[in-house]
Protein backbone atom coordinates (compact mmCIF):
# COMPACT_ATOMS: atom_id res chain seq x y z
CA MET A 1 5.10 16.81 -0.62
CA ARG A 2 5.64 13.73 -2.43
CA ARG A 3 7.69 12.14 0.45
CA VAL A 4 5.36 13.31 3.05
CA LEU A 5 2.26 11.23 1.28
CA LEU A 6 4.76 8.23 0.83
CA ALA A 7 6.08 8.39 4.33
CA ALA A 8 2.36 8.55 5.67
CA CYS A 9 0.70 6.02 2.76
CA VAL A 10 3.34 3.57 4.21
CA ALA A 11 2.93 3.90 7.83
CA GLY A 12 -0.48 3.79 7.29
CA LEU A 13 0.16 0.31 5.27
CA LEU A 14 2.30 -1.23 8.49
CA ALA A 15 -0.44 -0.29 10.91
CA GLY A 16 -2.90 -2.10 8.44
CA LEU A 17 -0.39 -4.75 7.83
CA ALA A 18 -0.82 -5.52 11.99
CA ALA A 19 -4.35 -5.18 12.23
CA PRO A 20 -4.94 -9.13 11.13
CA SER A 21 -4.58 -9.38 15.24
CA LEU A 22 -7.52 -7.64 15.75
CA ALA A 23 -9.39 -8.96 12.65
CA GLY A 24 -11.57 -10.54 14.97
CA THR A 25 -13.32 -7.75 16.20
CA LEU A 26 -12.20 -5.16 13.09
CA PRO A 27 -13.60 -5.87 9.77
CA VAL A 28 -9.91 -4.67 8.47
CA GLY A 29 -8.21 -7.16 5.69
CA VAL A 30 -4.71 -7.55 3.98
CA THR A 31 -3.40 -8.16 0.60
CA TYR A 32 -0.69 -9.07 -1.21
CA SER A 33 0.43 -10.19 -4.37
CA THR A 34 3.74 -10.83 -6.06
CA LYS A 35 2.30 -11.26 -9.65
CA ASP A 36 3.43 -9.46 -12.41
CA GLY A 37 7.13 -9.35 -11.82
CA GLY A 38 6.08 -6.57 -9.19
CA VAL A 39 5.19 -6.42 -5.74
CA SER A 40 1.78 -5.05 -3.77
CA VAL A 41 0.44 -5.15 -0.30
CA GLY A 42 -2.76 -3.63 0.99
CA THR A 43 -5.50 -2.71 2.68
CA THR A 44 -9.37 -2.96 3.19
CA VAL A 45 -11.91 -1.69 5.89
CA ASN A 46 -15.69 -3.04 5.53
CA GLY A 47 -14.38 -4.32 2.18
CA GLN A 48 -14.30 -0.82 0.67
CA PRO A 49 -9.95 0.13 -0.28
CA GLY A 50 -8.10 1.54 2.54
CA VAL A 51 -4.34 2.01 1.73
CA GLY A 52 -1.95 0.37 -0.45
CA ALA A 53 1.32 0.42 -1.57
CA TRP A 54 3.32 -1.40 -5.17
CA VAL A 55 6.46 -1.65 -6.61
CA ARG A 56 6.67 -2.47 -10.70
CA GLY A 57 8.68 -1.82 -13.40
CA GLY A 58 10.48 0.56 -12.42
CA ARG A 59 7.87 2.69 -10.58
CA ALA A 60 6.92 2.87 -6.58
CA CYS A 61 2.99 3.92 -5.87
CA VAL A 62 1.18 4.40 -3.11
CA GLY A 63 -2.36 5.08 -2.61
CA ALA A 64 -5.11 6.28 -0.37
CA SER A 65 -8.72 4.38 -0.75
CA TYR A 66 -10.31 5.44 -4.08
CA GLN A 67 -7.94 8.40 -4.78
CA MET A 68 -5.34 8.78 -7.65
CA PRO A 69 -1.98 6.93 -6.25
CA GLN A 70 1.11 9.21 -6.15
CA CYS A 71 4.25 7.39 -7.82
CA VAL A 72 7.24 8.15 -8.05
CA GLU A 73 10.11 6.59 -10.59
CA LEU A 74 13.20 4.22 -9.02
CA GLU A 75 16.68 5.20 -9.98
CA THR A 76 18.73 2.70 -10.25
CA ASP A 77 22.53 2.14 -10.04
CA ARG A 78 24.47 1.11 -13.08
């Protein structure tokens, strides 16, 4: 279930990243950050949260709107 949710959110996120070309006609925004040793990207629609994803501190998370994000621990090869 988590993989399906992760794939759906990532697909939505990628669609949101393509949206700036439509930003002149649609109220869509894209945000990104590399603060605090992590990476995050997200979208907004009419100023409200759309979908987002971030990786920080050994965890990868995705979220949609105001719903609780789903996170997984990242495995590292040592």
